[in-house]
Amino acid sequence: MSKELTTIIKSEGDGYVALCPEVDVASQGDTVAEARANLREALALFLESASETEIEQRFCSEVYVTRVEVAVG
């Protein structure tokens, strides 16, 4: 069984940080592709090792990624 999860990737320093907000798992890499692959591995490890209770407690089924405009200066 597989599940599609949200991935947010942003540049940070000389690399990239990847975050899955549904379960609050993050990873990093030197490139976007590497950060994404490392996050996939981190998620697999989390889902394999965490108890069903921990997964249920951490899982957020509604995640909204959007933009908001704010005044600057």
Protein backbone atom coordinates (compact mmCIF):
# COMPACT_ATOMS: atom_id res chain seq x y z
CA MET A 1 0.00 0.00 0.00
CA SER A 2 1.22 3.51 -0.70
CA LYS A 3 0.04 6.97 0.30
CA GLU A 4 0.74 10.30 -1.34
CA LEU A 5 1.98 12.91 1.13
CA THR A 6 2.75 16.62 0.86
CA THR A 7 6.38 17.65 0.43
CA ILE A 8 7.62 21.19 0.94
CA ILE A 9 11.19 21.84 -0.21
CA LYS A 10 13.04 25.09 0.35
CA SER A 11 16.59 26.21 -0.13
CA GLU A 12 18.56 26.66 3.06
CA GLY A 13 22.22 27.63 3.05
CA ASP A 14 24.04 25.56 0.45
CA GLY A 15 21.35 22.86 0.25
CA TYR A 16 17.68 22.10 0.54
CA VAL A 17 15.36 21.08 3.35
CA ALA A 18 12.36 18.84 2.63
CA LEU A 19 9.40 18.64 5.04
CA CYS A 20 6.34 16.42 5.14
CA PRO A 21 3.83 18.41 7.22
CA GLU A 22 1.35 15.51 7.56
CA VAL A 23 3.66 13.68 9.97
CA ASP A 24 6.24 16.42 10.73
CA VAL A 25 9.19 14.52 9.24
CA ALA A 26 12.03 16.41 7.57
CA SER A 27 15.27 15.69 5.77
CA GLN A 28 17.83 17.54 3.67
CA GLY A 29 20.06 17.23 0.64
CA ASP A 30 22.47 19.08 -1.60
CA THR A 31 19.90 19.24 -4.43
CA VAL A 32 16.11 19.30 -4.62
CA ALA A 33 16.11 15.72 -5.93
CA GLU A 34 18.40 14.54 -3.14
CA ALA A 35 16.33 16.27 -0.45
CA ARG A 36 13.17 14.68 -1.87
CA ALA A 37 14.76 11.22 -2.00
CA ASN A 38 16.12 11.60 1.54
CA LEU A 39 12.68 12.66 2.78
CA ARG A 40 11.12 9.62 1.12
CA GLU A 41 13.64 7.41 2.94
CA ALA A 42 13.04 9.21 6.27
CA LEU A 43 9.28 8.77 5.86
CA ALA A 44 9.66 5.07 5.09
CA LEU A 45 11.84 4.59 8.17
CA PHE A 46 9.39 6.52 10.35
CA LEU A 47 6.39 4.55 9.11
CA GLU A 48 8.24 1.23 9.57
CA SER A 49 9.45 1.96 13.10
CA ALA A 50 6.68 4.06 14.68
CA SER A 51 3.77 2.45 16.43
CA GLU A 52 0.30 2.78 14.94
CA THR A 53 -0.60 5.02 17.88
CA GLU A 54 2.30 7.40 17.21
CA ILE A 55 1.47 7.56 13.52
CA GLU A 56 -2.18 8.31 14.30
CA GLN A 57 -1.21 11.00 16.84
CA ARG A 58 1.20 12.72 14.45
CA PHE A 59 -0.81 12.36 11.24
CA CYS A 60 -2.62 15.49 10.13
CA SER A 61 -5.09 14.68 7.37
CA GLU A 62 -5.71 18.27 6.30
CA VAL A 63 -2.70 20.24 5.10
CA TYR A 64 -3.09 23.40 3.06
CA VAL A 65 -0.19 24.93 1.17
CA THR A 66 -1.04 28.42 0.04
CA ARG A 67 0.38 31.90 -0.26
CA VAL A 68 -0.62 35.06 1.56
CA GLU A 69 0.17 38.66 0.64
CA VAL A 70 1.43 40.99 3.38
CA ALA A 71 2.56 44.60 3.39
CA VAL A 72 6.31 45.08 3.79
CA GLY A 73 7.82 48.29 5.10
